Amino acid sequence: MAKVPSGARKVRKIRVSRDGWKERAAKKQEQIKRLRGTVRDLTASRNRWKTRANELEQQVEALQQANTSTSCAFPALFFFGG
């Protein structure tokens, strides 16, 4: 026949279990807080890079348009005598 634990043993076992659960829950919450900060920072960084890339694309398009509008309709022919 198995020995039945006393009431004090049961209480101690439950407290140890509860304390372990609380500790794990606290660690998980801290990790969640850290990860939320990381996500916030990465999202902001990504948005800054997207904005910068769009600005540079617009500049490239503007320069290409300026380049095509200033070029001659007829290409210049150069003759180097020989």
PDB file of N, CA and C in Angstrom:
ATOM      1  N   MET A   1       0.823  -1.169   0.000  1.00  0.00           N
ATOM      2  CA  MET A   1       0.000   0.000   0.000  1.00  0.00           C
ATOM      3  C   MET A   1       0.884   1.255   0.000  1.00  0.00           C
ATOM      4  N   ALA A   2       0.508   2.251  -0.838  1.00  0.00           N
ATOM      5  CA  ALA A   2       1.296   3.474  -0.955  1.00  0.00           C
ATOM      6  C   ALA A   2       1.066   4.377   0.241  1.00  0.00           C
ATOM      7  N   LYS A   3       2.120   5.031   0.630  1.00  0.00           N
ATOM      8  CA  LYS A   3       2.045   5.934   1.770  1.00  0.00           C
ATOM      9  C   LYS A   3       1.358   7.230   1.334  1.00  0.00           C
ATOM     10  N   VAL A   4       0.400   7.720   2.041  1.00  0.00           N
ATOM     11  CA  VAL A   4      -0.338   8.946   1.725  1.00  0.00           C
ATOM     12  C   VAL A   4       0.418  10.120   2.335  1.00  0.00           C
ATOM     13  N   PRO A   5       0.739  11.137   1.486  1.00  0.00           N
ATOM     14  CA  PRO A   5       1.475  12.285   2.027  1.00  0.00           C
ATOM     15  C   PRO A   5       0.618  13.058   3.022  1.00  0.00           C
ATOM     16  N   SER A   6       1.292  13.631   3.993  1.00  0.00           N
ATOM     17  CA  SER A   6       0.572  14.407   5.002  1.00  0.00           C
ATOM     18  C   SER A   6       0.106  15.730   4.397  1.00  0.00           C
ATOM     19  N   GLY A   7      -0.748  16.433   5.106  1.00  0.00           N
ATOM     20  CA  GLY A   7      -1.282  17.713   4.628  1.00  0.00           C
ATOM     21  C   GLY A   7      -0.188  18.751   4.422  1.00  0.00           C
ATOM     22  N   ALA A   8       0.788  18.792   5.330  1.00  0.00           N
ATOM     23  CA  ALA A   8       1.877  19.773   5.214  1.00  0.00           C
ATOM     24  C   ALA A   8       2.718  19.495   3.978  1.00  0.00           C
ATOM     25  N   ARG A   9       2.929  18.217   3.681  1.00  0.00           N
ATOM     26  CA  ARG A   9       3.706  17.858   2.478  1.00  0.00           C
ATOM     27  C   ARG A   9       2.974  18.285   1.215  1.00  0.00           C
ATOM     28  N   LYS A  10       1.667  18.054   1.206  1.00  0.00           N
ATOM     29  CA  LYS A  10       0.867  18.451   0.041  1.00  0.00           C
ATOM     30  C   LYS A  10       0.946  19.960  -0.173  1.00  0.00           C
ATOM     31  N   VAL A  11       0.806  20.688   0.909  1.00  0.00           N
ATOM     32  CA  VAL A  11       0.850  22.157   0.822  1.00  0.00           C
ATOM     33  C   VAL A  11       2.212  22.614   0.303  1.00  0.00           C
ATOM     34  N   ARG A  12       3.288  22.037   0.832  1.00  0.00           N
ATOM     35  CA  ARG A  12       4.638  22.405   0.395  1.00  0.00           C
ATOM     36  C   ARG A  12       4.816  22.106  -1.093  1.00  0.00           C
ATOM     37  N   LYS A  13       4.344  20.946  -1.509  1.00  0.00           N
ATOM     38  CA  LYS A  13       4.466  20.550  -2.916  1.00  0.00           C
ATOM     39  C   LYS A  13       3.693  21.509  -3.824  1.00  0.00           C
ATOM     40  N   ILE A  14       2.497  21.891  -3.393  1.00  0.00           N
ATOM     41  CA  ILE A  14       1.680  22.823  -4.178  1.00  0.00           C
ATOM     42  C   ILE A  14       2.336  24.190  -4.242  1.00  0.00           C
ATOM     43  N   ARG A  15       2.899  24.633  -3.108  1.00  0.00           N
ATOM     44  CA  ARG A  15       3.574  25.949  -3.094  1.00  0.00           C
ATOM     45  C   ARG A  15       4.784  25.961  -4.024  1.00  0.00           C
ATOM     46  N   VAL A  16       5.569  24.890  -3.987  1.00  0.00           N
ATOM     47  CA  VAL A  16       6.742  24.788  -4.867  1.00  0.00           C
ATOM     48  C   VAL A  16       6.295  24.824  -6.326  1.00  0.00           C
ATOM     49  N   SER A  17       5.229  24.093  -6.614  1.00  0.00           N
ATOM     50  CA  SER A  17       4.702  24.073  -7.976  1.00  0.00           C
ATOM     51  C   SER A  17       4.225  25.464  -8.389  1.00  0.00           C
ATOM     52  N   ARG A  18       3.491  26.130  -7.491  1.00  0.00           N
ATOM     53  CA  ARG A  18       2.981  27.473  -7.769  1.00  0.00           C
ATOM     54  C   ARG A  18       4.122  28.473  -7.979  1.00  0.00           C
ATOM     55  N   ASP A  19       5.124  28.398  -7.124  1.00  0.00           N
ATOM     56  CA  ASP A  19       6.255  29.318  -7.239  1.00  0.00           C
ATOM     57  C   ASP A  19       6.997  29.115  -8.562  1.00  0.00           C
ATOM     58  N   GLY A  20       7.153  27.861  -8.963  1.00  0.00           N
ATOM     59  CA  GLY A  20       7.789  27.585 -10.257  1.00  0.00           C
ATOM     60  C   GLY A  20       6.963  28.136 -11.402  1.00  0.00           C
ATOM     61  N   TRP A  21       5.655  27.982 -11.295  1.00  0.00           N
ATOM     62  CA  TRP A  21       4.767  28.500 -12.337  1.00  0.00           C
ATOM     63  C   TRP A  21       4.858  30.017 -12.418  1.00  0.00           C
ATOM     64  N   LYS A  22       4.853  30.663 -11.248  1.00  0.00           N
ATOM     65  CA  LYS A  22       4.951  32.129 -11.227  1.00  0.00           C
ATOM     66  C   LYS A  22       6.270  32.600 -11.838  1.00  0.00           C
ATOM     67  N   GLU A  23       7.341  31.908 -11.518  1.00  0.00           N
ATOM     68  CA  GLU A  23       8.657  32.288 -12.049  1.00  0.00           C
ATOM     69  C   GLU A  23       8.693  32.134 -13.577  1.00  0.00           C
ATOM     70  N   ARG A  24       8.170  31.019 -14.067  1.00  0.00           N
ATOM     71  CA  ARG A  24       8.138  30.810 -15.521  1.00  0.00           C
ATOM     72  C   ARG A  24       7.262  31.848 -16.208  1.00  0.00           C
ATOM     73  N   ALA A  25       6.126  32.158 -15.593  1.00  0.00           N
ATOM     74  CA  ALA A  25       5.222  33.155 -16.175  1.00  0.00           C
ATOM     75  C   ALA A  25       5.891  34.528 -16.213  1.00  0.00           C
ATOM     76  N   ALA A  26       6.608  34.889 -15.156  1.00  0.00           N
ATOM     77  CA  ALA A  26       7.295  36.180 -15.109  1.00  0.00           C
ATOM     78  C   ALA A  26       8.378  36.258 -16.184  1.00  0.00           C
ATOM     79  N   LYS A  27       9.125  35.167 -16.375  1.00  0.00           N
ATOM     80  CA  LYS A  27      10.167  35.141 -17.410  1.00  0.00           C
ATOM     81  C   LYS A  27       9.553  35.281 -18.794  1.00  0.00           C
ATOM     82  N   LYS A  28       8.443  34.603 -19.019  1.00  0.00           N
ATOM     83  CA  LYS A  28       7.777  34.696 -20.324  1.00  0.00           C
ATOM     84  C   LYS A  28       7.278  36.109 -20.579  1.00  0.00           C
ATOM     85  N   GLN A  29       6.721  36.742 -19.559  1.00  0.00           N
ATOM     86  CA  GLN A  29       6.249  38.113 -19.719  1.00  0.00           C
ATOM     87  C   GLN A  29       7.399  39.062 -20.027  1.00  0.00           C
ATOM     88  N   GLU A  30       8.525  38.860 -19.393  1.00  0.00           N
ATOM     89  CA  GLU A  30       9.709  39.691 -19.673  1.00  0.00           C
ATOM     90  C   GLU A  30      10.173  39.490 -21.109  1.00  0.00           C
ATOM     91  N   GLN A  31      10.160  38.237 -21.554  1.00  0.00           N
ATOM     92  CA  GLN A  31      10.558  37.957 -22.935  1.00  0.00           C
ATOM     93  C   GLN A  31       9.580  38.587 -23.919  1.00  0.00           C
ATOM     94  N   ILE A  32       8.295  38.514 -23.620  1.00  0.00           N
ATOM     95  CA  ILE A  32       7.281  39.130 -24.484  1.00  0.00           C
ATOM     96  C   ILE A  32       7.517  40.635 -24.564  1.00  0.00           C
ATOM     97  N   LYS A  33       7.808  41.248 -23.438  1.00  0.00           N
ATOM     98  CA  LYS A  33       8.067  42.696 -23.401  1.00  0.00           C
ATOM     99  C   LYS A  33       9.278  43.046 -24.264  1.00  0.00           C
ATOM    100  N   ARG A  34      10.345  42.251 -24.139  1.00  0.00           N
ATOM    101  CA  ARG A  34      11.558  42.477 -24.942  1.00  0.00           C
ATOM    102  C   ARG A  34      11.259  42.323 -26.430  1.00  0.00           C
ATOM    103  N   LEU A  35      10.515  41.271 -26.778  1.00  0.00           N
ATOM    104  CA  LEU A  35      10.217  41.018 -28.188  1.00  0.00           C
ATOM    105  C   LEU A  35       9.316  42.097 -28.777  1.00  0.00           C
ATOM    106  N   ARG A  36       8.397  42.608 -27.983  1.00  0.00           N
ATOM    107  CA  ARG A  36       7.549  43.700 -28.474  1.00  0.00           C
ATOM    108  C   ARG A  36       8.397  44.927 -28.790  1.00  0.00           C
ATOM    109  N   GLY A  37       9.370  45.207 -27.945  1.00  0.00           N
ATOM    110  CA  GLY A  37      10.277  46.325 -28.218  1.00  0.00           C
ATOM    111  C   GLY A  37      11.076  46.091 -29.490  1.00  0.00           C
ATOM    112  N   THR A  38      11.532  44.854 -29.687  1.00  0.00           N
ATOM    113  CA  THR A  38      12.286  44.516 -30.901  1.00  0.00           C
ATOM    114  C   THR A  38      11.416  44.691 -32.139  1.00  0.00           C
ATOM    115  N   VAL A  39      10.185  44.210 -32.056  1.00  0.00           N
ATOM    116  CA  VAL A  39       9.263  44.342 -33.193  1.00  0.00           C
ATOM    117  C   VAL A  39       9.013  45.819 -33.487  1.00  0.00           C
ATOM    118  N   ARG A  40       8.812  46.622 -32.444  1.00  0.00           N
ATOM    119  CA  ARG A  40       8.584  48.055 -32.621  1.00  0.00           C
ATOM    120  C   ARG A  40       9.778  48.709 -33.317  1.00  0.00           C
ATOM    121  N   ASP A  41      10.970  48.394 -32.852  1.00  0.00           N
ATOM    122  CA  ASP A  41      12.177  48.983 -33.441  1.00  0.00           C
ATOM    123  C   ASP A  41      12.365  48.539 -34.887  1.00  0.00           C
ATOM    124  N   LEU A  42      12.155  47.256 -35.162  1.00  0.00           N
ATOM    125  CA  LEU A  42      12.334  46.753 -36.522  1.00  0.00           C
ATOM    126  C   LEU A  42      11.290  47.318 -37.476  1.00  0.00           C
ATOM    127  N   THR A  43      10.064  47.480 -36.996  1.00  0.00           N
ATOM    128  CA  THR A  43       9.014  48.055 -37.828  1.00  0.00           C
ATOM    129  C   THR A  43       9.357  49.500 -38.181  1.00  0.00           C
ATOM    130  N   ALA A  44       9.804  50.252 -37.201  1.00  0.00           N
ATOM    131  CA  ALA A  44      10.183  51.647 -37.459  1.00  0.00           C
ATOM    132  C   ALA A  44      11.348  51.712 -38.445  1.00  0.00           C
ATOM    133  N   SER A  45      12.336  50.848 -38.275  1.00  0.00           N
ATOM    134  CA  SER A  45      13.490  50.825 -39.173  1.00  0.00           C
ATOM    135  C   SER A  45      13.066  50.471 -40.595  1.00  0.00           C
ATOM    136  N   ARG A  46      12.214  49.455 -40.705  1.00  0.00           N
ATOM    137  CA  ARG A  46      11.742  49.044 -42.028  1.00  0.00           C
ATOM    138  C   ARG A  46      10.985  50.179 -42.711  1.00  0.00           C
ATOM    139  N   ASN A  47      10.161  50.886 -41.950  1.00  0.00           N
ATOM    140  CA  ASN A  47       9.416  52.004 -42.530  1.00  0.00           C
ATOM    141  C   ASN A  47      10.344  53.125 -42.986  1.00  0.00           C
ATOM    142  N   ARG A  48      11.395  53.390 -42.199  1.00  0.00           N
ATOM    143  CA  ARG A  48      12.366  54.414 -42.615  1.00  0.00           C
ATOM    144  C   ARG A  48      13.059  53.999 -43.910  1.00  0.00           C
ATOM    145  N   TRP A  49      13.476  52.733 -44.019  1.00  0.00           N
ATOM    146  CA  TRP A  49      14.157  52.270 -45.227  1.00  0.00           C
ATOM    147  C   TRP A  49      13.223  52.268 -46.430  1.00  0.00           C
ATOM    148  N   LYS A  50      11.946  51.918 -46.217  1.00  0.00           N
ATOM    149  CA  LYS A  50      10.973  51.956 -47.312  1.00  0.00           C
ATOM    150  C   LYS A  50      10.806  53.372 -47.834  1.00  0.00           C
ATOM    151  N   THR A  51      10.684  54.310 -46.903  1.00  0.00           N
ATOM    152  CA  THR A  51      10.534  55.711 -47.288  1.00  0.00           C
ATOM    153  C   THR A  51      11.755  56.184 -48.064  1.00  0.00           C
ATOM    154  N   ARG A  52      12.922  55.834 -47.567  1.00  0.00           N
ATOM    155  CA  ARG A  52      14.176  56.231 -48.231  1.00  0.00           C
ATOM    156  C   ARG A  52      14.264  55.618 -49.629  1.00  0.00           C
ATOM    157  N   ALA A  53      13.895  54.351 -49.762  1.00  0.00           N
ATOM    158  CA  ALA A  53      13.941  53.678 -51.069  1.00  0.00           C
ATOM    159  C   ALA A  53      12.972  54.340 -52.043  1.00  0.00           C
ATOM    160  N   ASN A  54      11.779  54.680 -51.569  1.00  0.00           N
ATOM    161  CA  ASN A  54      10.809  55.350 -52.440  1.00  0.00           C
ATOM    162  C   ASN A  54      11.310  56.720 -52.884  1.00  0.00           C
ATOM    163  N   GLU A  55      11.921  57.456 -51.969  1.00  0.00           N
ATOM    164  CA  GLU A  55      12.479  58.770 -52.324  1.00  0.00           C
ATOM    165  C   GLU A  55      13.564  58.618 -53.390  1.00  0.00           C
ATOM    166  N   LEU A  56      14.428  57.640 -53.214  1.00  0.00           N
ATOM    167  CA  LEU A  56      15.505  57.438 -54.182  1.00  0.00           C
ATOM    168  C   LEU A  56      14.961  56.981 -55.535  1.00  0.00           C
ATOM    169  N   GLU A  57      13.913  56.159 -55.536  1.00  0.00           N
ATOM    170  CA  GLU A  57      13.296  55.755 -56.805  1.00  0.00           C
ATOM    171  C   GLU A  57      12.723  56.965 -57.534  1.00  0.00           C
ATOM    172  N   GLN A  58      12.099  57.864 -56.778  1.00  0.00           N
ATOM    173  CA  GLN A  58      11.555  59.078 -57.392  1.00  0.00           C
ATOM    174  C   GLN A  58      12.674  59.948 -57.956  1.00  0.00           C
ATOM    175  N   GLN A  59      13.783  60.034 -57.238  1.00  0.00           N
ATOM    176  CA  GLN A  59      14.915  60.818 -57.735  1.00  0.00           C
ATOM    177  C   GLN A  59      15.468  60.208 -59.017  1.00  0.00           C
ATOM    178  N   VAL A  60      15.569  58.882 -59.058  1.00  0.00           N
ATOM    179  CA  VAL A  60      16.076  58.207 -60.255  1.00  0.00           C
ATOM    180  C   VAL A  60      15.149  58.482 -61.435  1.00  0.00           C
ATOM    181  N   GLU A  61      13.836  58.377 -61.211  1.00  0.00           N
ATOM    182  CA  GLU A  61      12.889  58.644 -62.289  1.00  0.00           C
ATOM    183  C   GLU A  61      12.995  60.083 -62.775  1.00  0.00           C
ATOM    184  N   ALA A  62      13.121  61.029 -61.846  1.00  0.00           N
ATOM    185  CA  ALA A  62      13.248  62.437 -62.211  1.00  0.00           C
ATOM    186  C   ALA A  62      14.527  62.662 -63.015  1.00  0.00           C
ATOM    187  N   LEU A  63      15.625  62.051 -62.599  1.00  0.00           N
ATOM    188  CA  LEU A  63      16.886  62.217 -63.328  1.00  0.00           C
ATOM    189  C   LEU A  63      16.804  61.569 -64.709  1.00  0.00           C
ATOM    190  N   GLN A  64      16.138  60.436 -64.806  1.00  0.00           N
ATOM    191  CA  GLN A  64      15.988  59.795 -66.109  1.00  0.00           C
ATOM    192  C   GLN A  64      15.148  60.649 -67.047  1.00  0.00           C
ATOM    193  N   GLN A  65      14.091  61.233 -66.524  1.00  0.00           N
ATOM    194  CA  GLN A  65      13.257  62.109 -67.339  1.00  0.00           C
ATOM    195  C   GLN A  65      14.034  63.345 -67.758  1.00  0.00           C
ATOM    196  N   ALA A  66      14.799  63.912 -66.831  1.00  0.00           N
ATOM    197  CA  ALA A  66      15.605  65.090 -67.162  1.00  0.00           C
ATOM    198  C   ALA A  66      16.654  64.731 -68.204  1.00  0.00           C
ATOM    199  N   ASN A  67      17.212  63.544 -68.107  1.00  0.00           N
ATOM    200  CA  ASN A  67      18.229  63.108 -69.046  1.00  0.00           C
ATOM    201  C   ASN A  67      17.633  62.906 -70.438  1.00  0.00           C
ATOM    202  N   THR A  68      16.459  62.322 -70.530  1.00  0.00           N
ATOM    203  CA  THR A  68      15.843  62.104 -71.843  1.00  0.00           C
ATOM    204  C   THR A  68      15.355  63.408 -72.449  1.00  0.00           C
ATOM    205  N   SER A  69      14.929  64.364 -71.630  1.00  0.00           N
ATOM    206  CA  SER A  69      14.439  65.628 -72.178  1.00  0.00           C
ATOM    207  C   SER A  69      15.590  66.514 -72.660  1.00  0.00           C
ATOM    208  N   THR A  70      16.779  66.354 -72.123  1.00  0.00           N
ATOM    209  CA  THR A  70      17.904  67.193 -72.545  1.00  0.00           C
ATOM    210  C   THR A  70      18.692  66.566 -73.691  1.00  0.00           C
ATOM    211  N   SER A  71      18.465  65.294 -73.969  1.00  0.00           N
ATOM    212  CA  SER A  71      19.224  64.683 -75.055  1.00  0.00           C
ATOM    213  C   SER A  71      18.614  65.087 -76.394  1.00  0.00           C
ATOM    214  N   CYS A  72      19.424  65.110 -77.407  1.00  0.00           N
ATOM    215  CA  CYS A  72      19.005  65.536 -78.731  1.00  0.00           C
ATOM    216  C   CYS A  72      18.134  64.464 -79.374  1.00  0.00           C
ATOM    217  N   ALA A  73      17.264  64.940 -80.251  1.00  0.00           N
ATOM    218  CA  ALA A  73      16.428  63.998 -80.991  1.00  0.00           C
ATOM    219  C   ALA A  73      17.297  63.231 -81.985  1.00  0.00           C
ATOM    220  N   PHE A  74      18.344  63.901 -82.509  1.00  0.00           N
ATOM    221  CA  PHE A  74      19.251  63.264 -83.457  1.00  0.00           C
ATOM    222  C   PHE A  74      20.607  63.129 -82.796  1.00  0.00           C
ATOM    223  N   PRO A  75      21.117  61.955 -82.760  1.00  0.00           N
ATOM    224  CA  PRO A  75      22.418  61.798 -82.107  1.00  0.00           C
ATOM    225  C   PRO A  75      23.516  62.516 -82.899  1.00  0.00           C
ATOM    226  N   ALA A  76      24.454  63.061 -82.183  1.00  0.00           N
ATOM    227  CA  ALA A  76      25.558  63.772 -82.823  1.00  0.00           C
ATOM    228  C   ALA A  76      26.497  62.751 -83.452  1.00  0.00           C
ATOM    229  N   LEU A  77      26.918  63.045 -84.666  1.00  0.00           N
ATOM    230  CA  LEU A  77      27.847  62.181 -85.351  1.00  0.00           C
ATOM    231  C   LEU A  77      29.217  62.842 -85.339  1.00  0.00           C
ATOM    232  N   PHE A  78      30.179  62.109 -84.922  1.00  0.00           N
ATOM    233  CA  PHE A  78      31.540  62.617 -84.888  1.00  0.00           C
ATOM    234  C   PHE A  78      32.356  61.876 -85.924  1.00  0.00           C
ATOM    235  N   PHE A  79      33.116  62.670 -86.636  1.00  0.00           N
ATOM    236  CA  PHE A  79      33.985  62.067 -87.620  1.00  0.00           C
ATOM    237  C   PHE A  79      35.409  62.431 -87.228  1.00  0.00           C
ATOM    238  N   PHE A  80      36.157  61.386 -86.987  1.00  0.00           N
ATOM    239  CA  PHE A  80      37.559  61.595 -86.702  1.00  0.00           C
ATOM    240  C   PHE A  80      38.299  61.182 -87.956  1.00  0.00           C
ATOM    241  N   GLY A  81      38.848  62.147 -88.635  1.00  0.00           N
ATOM    242  CA  GLY A  81      39.480  61.907 -89.944  1.00  0.00           C
ATOM    243  C   GLY A  81      40.560  60.860 -89.881  1.00  0.00           C
ATOM    244  N   GLY A  82      40.637  60.212 -90.985  1.00  0.00           N
ATOM    245  CA  GLY A  82      41.635  59.179 -91.009  1.00  0.00           C
ATOM    246  C   GLY A  82      42.242  58.995 -92.349  1.00  0.00           C
TER     247      GLY A  82
END
